[in-house]
Amino acid sequence: MASRSDNIASSLSLANFSKATELKKRIWFTIGALIVFRFLSFVPLPGVNPLILESLYDQTRGGILDIFNTFSGGSLERMSLIALGVMPYITSSIVVQLAASLHPSLMALKKDGEAGRKKLNQYTRYGTVFLCAIQGWFIASGLEAYGAQSGLHAVVNPGYMFRVGAVISLVGGTMFLLWLGEQITSRGIGNGVSLIIMAGIVAQMPSFVSNLFEGGRSGSVSSFAIIGLIVLIVGLILFICFMERAQRRLLIQYPKRASQRGMMQADRSHLPLKINTAGVIPPIFASSLLLLPLTISQFAGNSLSTDSAAGGFVVALNQYLAHGKPLYMALYASGIIFFCFFYTAIVFNPEDTADNLKKNGGFIPGIRPGKNTATYLDFVLTRITVIGAAYLTLVCVLPEYFIAQTGLPLLFLGGTSLLIVVNVTVDTITQIQSHLLAHQYGDLIKKAKLKGRQR
């Protein structure tokens, strides 16, 4: 059986892809949905002058908003309908998952199967609307004062009508993105929200790369820095691919069972534990929690006087938590480490795994079934999560430090962006291969049925 599956996996080719009509429909649907996402990123908010906004944004480049702009695919720079992207949804999901781990009633919903999961998703959407409304109000207020010192006004007709319209537009844009992501997940290929984030990052790649080589041509960026950056990126990509496939395989032994020939045979299998069980969730969660207050403070700071106590506090907050600053990187690394352990505890429950092994008669050699197995699984998972958290922290903080030291505005090449792009790409390719393999198995079954009928 193993050799047959290996032969099928090795025979995956473009010819098989051309026959998989269902897979082609899914891929075309995904591409079309991502094109819609890119079109929406160029639709500005009603009442905003995009030309003046672009000139004002160029004056404030290099701040925390550049990170948000990278994740939204340039939507924040153009202040489009989807300027907030899916970050409010991610922040809301963090809050709901934290509450589900602490509150008894929400914890009961979490264990209630599909119905409980739908209820928690509903709470997450309510939280998304609430966060979008708060962020949208501060962004609209900040836009009215944006560029007032230079005599430029990004808003044509400022006032409460503009603020209300901007909040409604931003909430609607984010909720439409969530709906689009759900459609990609159910009718396309890959995880919809992850693909939308990746599409926004990749969309910024041409401008960032052209700026890099333009800086090398003009002499503002040294050739040594460009070569070092390319080597760092290639090394990080290879390192990410290696670590994402790394596993700790635990041997699982099953009792001896009678085979067809009457011989007693013991079954063995392995329980794979990924080194990075949490995936790309920890850096996304950590960056979204940092972006939420900083986006509000940066836009709100435009409407505050720097001489006042509130204005001085906002300016100091933006300076200390600016991109590449020690405090920002320390909080970023701490958030990644925390969410590595937190999300791993959510997605993998040692007690449930131990109970399932015990029900099926499986056990780890040398470990008693039940509570001892759960304790051992928790011990192993904690140790490998330490390695996974160190790997994620290194991958995400090292490029940030390099960019901060060289002064290159290349946030696309940051560790979080690389991690998201590589992980989502690998996951999407894996799903495509799974669809092709299932298609080939289906063809084999049809051929076997036809031969059986002919006989």
Protein backbone atom coordinates (compact mmCIF):
# COMPACT_ATOMS: atom_id res chain seq x y z
CA MET A 1 0.00 0.00 0.00
CA ALA A 2 2.83 2.37 0.85
CA SER A 3 4.63 1.67 -2.44
CA ARG A 4 1.41 2.28 -4.38
CA SER A 5 0.86 5.66 -2.71
CA ASP A 6 4.51 6.56 -3.32
CA ASN A 7 4.12 5.76 -7.02
CA ILE A 8 0.99 7.88 -7.22
CA ALA A 9 2.65 10.79 -5.40
CA SER A 10 5.68 10.59 -7.70
CA SER A 11 3.50 10.60 -10.83
CA LEU A 12 1.80 13.93 -10.06
CA SER A 13 2.33 16.03 -13.17
CA LEU A 14 0.83 18.80 -15.25
CA ALA A 15 -1.06 16.19 -17.26
CA ASN A 16 -2.88 15.09 -14.12
CA PHE A 17 -3.50 18.73 -13.24
CA SER A 18 -5.21 19.35 -16.58
CA LYS A 19 -7.67 16.53 -15.86
CA ALA A 20 -8.56 17.76 -12.36
CA THR A 21 -11.43 20.06 -13.31
CA GLU A 22 -12.58 20.55 -9.71
CA LEU A 23 -9.10 21.67 -8.67
CA LYS A 24 -8.88 24.10 -11.58
CA LYS A 25 -12.22 25.63 -10.61
CA ARG A 26 -10.99 26.10 -7.05
CA ILE A 27 -7.74 27.73 -8.21
CA TRP A 28 -9.53 30.08 -10.60
CA PHE A 29 -12.00 31.03 -7.87
CA THR A 30 -9.11 31.80 -5.48
CA ILE A 31 -7.35 33.93 -8.09
CA GLY A 32 -10.57 35.81 -8.87
CA ALA A 33 -11.24 36.50 -5.18
CA LEU A 34 -7.70 37.84 -4.69
CA ILE A 35 -8.12 40.08 -7.74
CA VAL A 36 -11.30 41.50 -6.16
CA PHE A 37 -9.28 42.13 -2.99
CA ARG A 38 -6.63 44.02 -4.95
CA PHE A 39 -9.26 46.12 -6.77
CA LEU A 40 -10.84 47.12 -3.47
CA SER A 41 -7.47 48.33 -2.16
CA PHE A 42 -7.58 51.11 -4.77
CA VAL A 43 -11.10 52.35 -3.90
CA PRO A 44 -10.64 55.37 -1.56
CA LEU A 45 -12.89 56.30 1.33
CA PRO A 46 -15.66 58.76 0.41
CA GLY A 47 -14.60 62.33 1.12
CA VAL A 48 -10.83 61.70 0.97
CA ASN A 49 -8.52 63.32 -1.58
CA PRO A 50 -6.16 60.46 -2.58
CA LEU A 51 -3.54 62.73 -4.22
CA ILE A 52 -3.06 64.92 -1.14
CA LEU A 53 -3.16 61.84 1.09
CA GLU A 54 -0.35 60.22 -0.90
CA SER A 55 1.87 63.30 -0.58
CA LEU A 56 1.17 63.48 3.17
CA TYR A 57 1.89 59.79 3.65
CA ASP A 58 5.24 60.15 1.89
CA GLN A 59 6.25 62.69 4.56
CA THR A 60 5.62 60.21 7.41
CA ARG A 61 7.16 57.05 5.94
CA GLY A 62 9.28 54.79 8.11
CA GLY A 63 6.90 54.74 11.08
CA ILE A 64 4.67 52.10 12.56
CA LEU A 65 2.04 52.73 9.89
CA ASP A 66 4.35 51.20 7.28
CA ILE A 67 3.95 47.82 8.95
CA PHE A 68 0.18 48.10 8.89
CA ASN A 69 0.37 49.31 5.29
CA THR A 70 2.43 46.24 4.36
CA PHE A 71 -0.11 43.80 5.80
CA SER A 72 -2.99 45.61 4.09
CA GLY A 73 -1.30 45.59 0.67
CA GLY A 74 -0.93 49.38 0.48
CA SER A 75 -4.58 49.98 1.37
CA LEU A 76 -3.72 52.19 4.34
CA GLU A 77 -1.46 54.37 2.22
CA ARG A 78 -4.34 54.99 -0.19
CA MET A 79 -6.90 54.99 2.67
CA SER A 80 -9.14 52.59 0.78
CA LEU A 81 -12.32 50.88 1.92
CA ILE A 82 -10.25 47.95 3.23
CA ALA A 83 -7.57 50.08 4.91
CA LEU A 84 -7.94 48.15 8.18
CA GLY A 85 -7.52 44.80 6.44
CA VAL A 86 -8.19 41.69 8.54
CA MET A 87 -6.13 42.81 11.54
CA PRO A 88 -9.22 43.73 13.65
CA TYR A 89 -10.53 40.20 13.10
CA ILE A 90 -7.20 38.71 14.23
CA THR A 91 -7.15 40.92 17.33
CA SER A 92 -10.75 39.97 18.11
CA SER A 93 -9.96 36.28 17.73
CA ILE A 94 -7.09 36.69 20.23
CA VAL A 95 -9.47 38.18 22.80
CA VAL A 96 -12.13 35.50 22.24
CA GLN A 97 -9.62 32.64 22.48
CA LEU A 98 -8.13 34.12 25.65
CA ALA A 99 -11.62 34.46 27.13
CA ALA A 100 -12.50 30.90 26.06
CA SER A 101 -9.47 29.64 27.99
CA LEU A 102 -10.38 31.56 31.17
CA HIS A 103 -14.18 31.90 31.33
CA PRO A 104 -16.10 28.71 32.26
CA SER A 105 -19.15 29.34 30.04
CA LEU A 106 -17.01 30.15 26.98
CA MET A 107 -14.82 27.14 27.76
CA ALA A 108 -17.96 24.98 27.70
CA LEU A 109 -18.88 26.46 24.31
CA LYS A 110 -15.41 25.62 23.04
CA LYS A 111 -15.93 21.96 23.96
CA ASP A 112 -19.44 21.87 22.49
CA GLY A 113 -18.30 20.84 19.02
CA GLU A 114 -19.48 22.52 15.83
CA ALA A 115 -22.31 24.49 17.48
CA GLY A 116 -19.95 25.96 20.09
CA ARG A 117 -17.38 26.83 17.43
CA LYS A 118 -20.01 28.72 15.43
CA LYS A 119 -21.06 30.63 18.54
CA LEU A 120 -17.45 31.64 19.29
CA ASN A 121 -17.00 32.72 15.66
CA GLN A 122 -20.09 34.88 16.04
CA TYR A 123 -18.60 36.54 19.12
CA THR A 124 -15.37 37.07 17.17
CA ARG A 125 -17.26 38.89 14.43
CA TYR A 126 -19.04 41.09 16.97
CA GLY A 127 -15.64 41.98 18.42
CA THR A 128 -14.33 42.69 14.92
CA VAL A 129 -17.12 45.18 14.26
CA PHE A 130 -16.45 46.86 17.63
CA LEU A 131 -12.69 47.16 17.01
CA CYS A 132 -13.23 48.39 13.44
CA ALA A 133 -15.60 51.08 14.70
CA ILE A 134 -13.07 52.30 17.30
CA GLN A 135 -10.13 52.26 14.90
CA GLY A 136 -12.22 53.79 12.12
CA TRP A 137 -13.33 56.69 14.34
CA PHE A 138 -9.77 57.54 15.37
CA ILE A 139 -8.53 57.19 11.79
CA ALA A 140 -11.29 59.48 10.52
CA SER A 141 -10.54 62.03 13.26
CA GLY A 142 -6.83 61.85 12.50
CA LEU A 143 -7.42 62.27 8.76
CA GLU A 144 -9.24 65.57 9.37
CA ALA A 145 -6.14 66.95 11.12
CA TYR A 146 -3.66 65.13 8.87
CA GLY A 147 -1.35 67.67 7.23
CA ALA A 148 -2.95 70.74 8.87
CA GLN A 149 0.48 72.13 9.75
CA SER A 150 1.61 71.98 6.11
CA GLY A 151 -1.59 73.57 4.84
CA LEU A 152 -2.83 70.41 3.09
CA HIS A 153 -6.15 68.79 3.89
CA ALA A 154 -6.72 65.13 3.07
CA VAL A 155 -10.47 65.38 3.83
CA VAL A 156 -12.62 67.43 1.46
CA ASN A 157 -15.51 68.15 3.86
CA PRO A 158 -14.52 67.37 7.47
CA GLY A 159 -17.18 66.88 10.10
CA TYR A 160 -19.29 64.27 11.81
CA MET A 161 -20.89 63.14 8.56
CA PHE A 162 -17.45 62.28 7.18
CA ARG A 163 -16.49 60.43 10.38
CA VAL A 164 -19.69 58.37 10.42
CA GLY A 165 -19.37 57.57 6.71
CA ALA A 166 -15.71 56.59 7.13
CA VAL A 167 -16.51 54.29 10.08
CA ILE A 168 -19.34 52.59 8.16
CA SER A 169 -17.12 52.18 5.08
CA LEU A 170 -14.17 50.75 7.04
CA VAL A 171 -16.39 48.33 8.99
CA GLY A 172 -18.07 47.20 5.78
CA GLY A 173 -14.71 46.75 4.02
CA THR A 174 -13.27 44.57 6.77
CA MET A 175 -16.41 42.44 7.05
CA PHE A 176 -16.43 41.97 3.27
CA LEU A 177 -12.82 40.76 3.46
CA LEU A 178 -13.82 38.23 6.12
CA TRP A 179 -16.65 36.99 3.92
CA LEU A 180 -14.27 36.80 0.95
CA GLY A 181 -11.79 34.82 3.05
CA GLU A 182 -14.51 32.36 4.07
CA GLN A 183 -15.49 31.89 0.43
CA ILE A 184 -11.86 31.16 -0.50
CA THR A 185 -11.58 28.61 2.32
CA SER A 186 -14.78 26.77 1.34
CA ARG A 187 -14.73 27.12 -2.46
CA GLY A 188 -11.08 27.78 -3.23
CA ILE A 189 -7.63 26.55 -2.21
CA GLY A 190 -5.94 27.32 1.12
CA ASN A 191 -6.95 29.37 4.13
CA GLY A 192 -8.77 32.49 2.92
CA VAL A 193 -7.66 34.97 5.60
CA SER A 194 -4.03 33.83 5.37
CA LEU A 195 -4.09 34.14 1.58
CA ILE A 196 -5.50 37.68 1.81
CA ILE A 197 -2.69 38.68 4.19
CA MET A 198 -0.10 37.04 1.93
CA ALA A 199 -1.55 38.73 -1.17
CA GLY A 200 -1.26 42.10 0.54
CA ILE A 201 2.38 41.45 1.42
CA VAL A 202 3.33 40.12 -2.02
CA ALA A 203 1.62 43.10 -3.69
CA GLN A 204 4.17 45.37 -2.01
CA MET A 205 7.13 43.33 -3.27
CA PRO A 206 7.72 45.10 -6.64
CA SER A 207 7.87 48.58 -5.11
CA PHE A 208 10.14 47.48 -2.25
CA VAL A 209 12.53 45.63 -4.55
CA SER A 210 12.65 48.54 -7.01
CA ASN A 211 13.37 50.95 -4.13
CA LEU A 212 16.19 48.69 -2.97
CA PHE A 213 17.94 48.56 -6.34
CA GLU A 214 17.20 52.23 -6.99
CA GLY A 215 18.98 53.00 -3.71
CA GLY A 216 21.91 50.88 -4.86
CA ARG A 217 22.05 52.68 -8.19
CA SER A 218 21.92 56.14 -6.61
CA GLY A 219 24.48 55.19 -3.96
CA SER A 220 22.21 55.70 -0.93
CA VAL A 221 22.41 51.96 -0.23
CA SER A 222 25.77 50.20 -0.35
CA SER A 223 26.28 47.12 -2.49
CA PHE A 224 27.46 45.25 0.60
CA ALA A 225 24.13 45.94 2.34
CA ILE A 226 22.16 44.71 -0.70
CA ILE A 227 24.22 41.50 -0.98
CA GLY A 228 23.96 40.91 2.77
CA LEU A 229 20.19 41.41 2.65
CA ILE A 230 19.79 38.94 -0.24
CA VAL A 231 21.92 36.35 1.57
CA LEU A 232 19.91 36.90 4.76
CA ILE A 233 16.58 36.46 2.94
CA VAL A 234 17.65 33.27 1.14
CA GLY A 235 19.06 31.84 4.37
CA LEU A 236 15.89 32.70 6.28
CA ILE A 237 13.65 31.11 3.63
CA LEU A 238 15.66 27.87 3.72
CA PHE A 239 15.69 27.93 7.52
CA ILE A 240 11.92 28.51 7.65
CA CYS A 241 11.25 25.63 5.23
CA PHE A 242 13.46 23.31 7.31
CA MET A 243 11.95 24.26 10.67
CA GLU A 244 8.35 24.13 9.44
CA ARG A 245 8.82 20.51 8.38
CA ALA A 246 10.73 19.51 11.53
CA GLN A 247 8.91 17.05 13.79
CA ARG A 248 9.39 15.07 16.97
CA ARG A 249 7.94 11.63 16.26
CA LEU A 250 6.78 9.64 19.28
CA LEU A 251 6.55 5.88 18.89
CA ILE A 252 3.05 4.50 19.53
CA GLN A 253 2.70 0.77 20.25
CA TYR A 254 -0.55 -1.17 19.82
CA PRO A 255 -1.38 -4.61 21.28
CA LYS A 256 -0.69 -7.74 19.28
CA ARG A 257 -3.49 -8.69 16.94
CA ALA A 258 -4.16 -11.82 14.92
CA SER A 259 -3.32 -11.45 11.24
CA GLN A 260 -4.89 -13.32 8.29
CA ARG A 261 -2.25 -16.05 8.53
CA GLY A 262 -3.00 -16.60 12.20
CA MET A 263 0.19 -14.93 13.45
CA MET A 264 0.19 -12.43 16.29
CA GLN A 265 1.50 -9.10 15.04
CA ALA A 266 2.05 -5.85 16.94
CA ASP A 267 1.18 -2.62 15.18
CA ARG A 268 3.37 0.45 15.44
CA SER A 269 2.84 4.02 14.39
CA HIS A 270 4.17 7.46 15.20
CA LEU A 271 2.60 10.56 16.73
CA PRO A 272 4.16 13.56 14.91
CA LEU A 273 4.61 16.71 17.01
CA LYS A 274 5.68 19.72 14.97
CA ILE A 275 8.48 21.87 16.33
CA ASN A 276 6.40 24.92 15.43
CA THR A 277 2.89 23.76 16.31
CA ALA A 278 1.53 27.33 16.40
CA GLY A 279 2.54 28.15 12.80
CA VAL A 280 2.40 31.82 11.77
CA ILE A 281 -0.19 32.73 14.42
CA PRO A 282 2.23 34.03 17.15
CA PRO A 283 3.93 36.76 15.04
CA ILE A 284 0.59 37.81 13.52
CA PHE A 285 -1.02 38.03 16.96
CA ALA A 286 1.97 39.88 18.45
CA SER A 287 2.17 42.39 15.60
CA SER A 288 -1.59 42.98 15.57
CA LEU A 289 -1.63 43.72 19.32
CA LEU A 290 1.20 46.23 18.83
CA LEU A 291 -0.42 47.77 15.76
CA LEU A 292 -3.83 48.33 17.37
CA PRO A 293 -2.85 50.94 20.01
CA LEU A 294 -0.09 52.46 17.90
CA THR A 295 -2.36 53.05 14.90
CA ILE A 296 -4.92 54.75 17.14
CA SER A 297 -2.27 56.85 18.91
CA GLN A 298 -0.55 57.89 15.69
CA PHE A 299 -3.76 59.04 14.03
CA ALA A 300 -5.10 60.56 17.25
CA GLY A 301 -1.80 62.38 17.74
CA ASN A 302 -2.47 64.40 14.59
CA SER A 303 -5.40 66.10 16.29
CA LEU A 304 -3.59 66.73 19.61
CA SER A 305 -1.28 69.59 20.41
CA THR A 306 2.29 68.52 21.19
CA ASP A 307 2.38 71.13 23.99
CA SER A 308 -0.43 69.42 25.90
CA ALA A 309 0.15 66.51 28.26
CA ALA A 310 -1.89 64.11 26.11
CA GLY A 311 -0.09 65.17 22.94
CA GLY A 312 3.32 64.78 24.58
CA PHE A 313 2.39 61.33 25.83
CA VAL A 314 1.26 60.22 22.37
CA VAL A 315 4.46 61.55 20.76
CA ALA A 316 6.61 59.80 23.37
CA LEU A 317 4.66 56.56 22.92
CA ASN A 318 5.15 56.62 19.15
CA GLN A 319 8.87 57.34 19.57
CA TYR A 320 9.60 54.57 22.07
CA LEU A 321 7.47 52.02 20.20
CA ALA A 322 8.64 53.02 16.73
CA HIS A 323 9.65 50.29 14.29
CA GLY A 324 13.13 48.97 15.09
CA LYS A 325 13.37 50.56 18.54
CA PRO A 326 14.58 48.33 21.42
CA LEU A 327 11.30 48.56 23.33
CA TYR A 328 9.29 47.64 20.22
CA MET A 329 11.48 44.62 19.46
CA ALA A 330 11.43 43.50 23.12
CA LEU A 331 7.62 43.64 23.26
CA TYR A 332 7.41 41.98 19.85
CA ALA A 333 9.69 39.10 20.91
CA SER A 334 7.83 38.70 24.22
CA GLY A 335 4.50 38.58 22.40
CA ILE A 336 5.76 35.91 19.98
CA ILE A 337 7.03 33.71 22.82
CA PHE A 338 3.80 34.11 24.80
CA PHE A 339 1.52 33.30 21.87
CA CYS A 340 3.68 30.32 20.88
CA PHE A 341 2.89 28.61 24.17
CA PHE A 342 -0.67 29.95 24.34
CA TYR A 343 -1.74 28.88 20.85
CA THR A 344 0.05 25.52 21.14
CA ALA A 345 -1.96 24.83 24.29
CA ILE A 346 -5.15 25.66 22.35
CA VAL A 347 -4.53 23.50 19.25
CA PHE A 348 -3.03 20.48 21.06
CA ASN A 349 -4.59 19.00 24.21
CA PRO A 350 -2.36 16.28 25.76
CA GLU A 351 -5.22 14.91 27.88
CA ASP A 352 -7.53 14.40 24.89
CA THR A 353 -4.70 12.79 22.90
CA ALA A 354 -3.86 10.46 25.79
CA ASP A 355 -7.54 9.47 26.16
CA ASN A 356 -7.82 8.72 22.43
CA LEU A 357 -4.71 6.55 22.56
CA LYS A 358 -6.08 4.68 25.56
CA LYS A 359 -9.45 4.07 23.88
CA ASN A 360 -7.73 2.64 20.81
CA GLY A 361 -5.39 0.50 22.87
CA GLY A 362 -2.25 2.48 21.97
CA PHE A 363 0.51 3.45 24.37
CA ILE A 364 3.96 4.99 24.39
CA PRO A 365 6.60 2.36 25.28
CA GLY A 366 7.73 2.84 28.88
CA ILE A 367 4.83 5.21 29.74
CA ARG A 368 1.65 4.09 31.46
CA PRO A 369 -1.59 4.95 29.58
CA GLY A 370 -3.85 7.71 30.83
CA LYS A 371 -2.59 10.50 33.09
CA ASN A 372 1.09 9.52 32.80
CA THR A 373 0.86 9.65 29.01
CA ALA A 374 -0.77 13.11 29.16
CA THR A 375 1.99 14.34 31.50
CA TYR A 376 4.68 12.96 29.19
CA LEU A 377 3.07 14.51 26.10
CA ASP A 378 2.85 17.87 27.87
CA PHE A 379 6.52 17.59 28.90
CA VAL A 380 7.69 16.81 25.34
CA LEU A 381 5.44 19.46 23.79
CA THR A 382 6.72 22.13 26.19
CA ARG A 383 10.34 21.33 25.37
CA ILE A 384 9.86 21.43 21.60
CA THR A 385 7.74 24.59 21.90
CA VAL A 386 10.75 26.29 23.50
CA ILE A 387 12.71 25.50 20.33
CA GLY A 388 9.79 26.65 18.15
CA ALA A 389 9.43 29.93 20.07
CA ALA A 390 13.18 30.60 19.79
CA TYR A 391 13.02 29.88 16.04
CA LEU A 392 10.07 32.23 15.48
CA THR A 393 11.65 34.97 17.58
CA LEU A 394 14.94 34.71 15.68
CA VAL A 395 13.26 34.72 12.27
CA CYS A 396 11.04 37.72 13.11
CA VAL A 397 13.45 39.88 15.15
CA LEU A 398 16.69 39.39 13.18
CA PRO A 399 15.42 41.08 9.96
CA GLU A 400 13.84 43.85 12.06
CA TYR A 401 17.24 44.52 13.65
CA PHE A 402 18.97 44.43 10.25
CA ILE A 403 16.46 46.87 8.73
CA ALA A 404 16.73 49.19 11.76
CA GLN A 405 20.54 49.23 11.55
CA THR A 406 20.74 49.77 7.78
CA GLY A 407 17.78 52.16 7.57
CA LEU A 408 16.29 50.32 4.60
CA PRO A 409 12.49 50.80 4.33
CA LEU A 410 11.99 47.17 3.35
CA LEU A 411 9.25 45.99 5.65
CA PHE A 412 8.18 43.44 3.04
CA LEU A 413 11.42 41.61 3.78
CA GLY A 414 10.77 41.51 7.51
CA GLY A 415 10.71 38.21 9.34
CA THR A 416 6.94 38.20 9.87
CA SER A 417 6.28 38.85 6.19
CA LEU A 418 8.70 36.13 5.08
CA LEU A 419 7.22 33.68 7.57
CA ILE A 420 3.67 34.35 6.37
CA VAL A 421 4.56 34.13 2.67
CA VAL A 422 6.58 30.90 3.00
CA ASN A 423 4.08 29.16 5.30
CA VAL A 424 1.00 30.09 3.27
CA THR A 425 2.74 29.13 0.01
CA VAL A 426 3.80 25.73 1.37
CA ASP A 427 0.33 25.11 2.82
CA THR A 428 -1.37 26.02 -0.47
CA ILE A 429 0.96 23.80 -2.52
CA THR A 430 0.35 20.94 -0.08
CA GLN A 431 -3.42 21.31 -0.52
CA ILE A 432 -3.03 21.34 -4.31
CA GLN A 433 -1.00 18.13 -4.12
CA SER A 434 -3.65 16.58 -1.88
CA HIS A 435 -6.37 17.41 -4.42
CA LEU A 436 -4.27 15.92 -7.25
CA LEU A 437 -3.61 12.79 -5.22
CA ALA A 438 -7.31 12.40 -4.39
CA HIS A 439 -8.12 12.88 -8.08
CA GLN A 440 -5.71 10.12 -9.07
CA TYR A 441 -7.11 7.78 -6.43
CA GLY A 442 -10.57 8.50 -7.83
CA ASP A 443 -9.40 7.59 -11.34
CA LEU A 444 -7.90 4.32 -10.06
CA ILE A 445 -11.16 3.41 -8.32
CA LYS A 446 -13.16 4.13 -11.49
CA LYS A 447 -10.81 1.98 -13.59
CA ALA A 448 -11.05 -0.87 -11.06
CA LYS A 449 -14.85 -0.72 -11.15
CA LEU A 450 -14.86 -0.78 -14.97
CA LYS A 451 -12.57 -3.82 -15.04
CA GLY A 452 -14.79 -5.58 -12.51
CA ARG A 453 -17.88 -4.99 -14.67
CA GLN A 454 -16.13 -6.23 -17.82
CA ARG A 455 -15.29 -9.50 -16.07
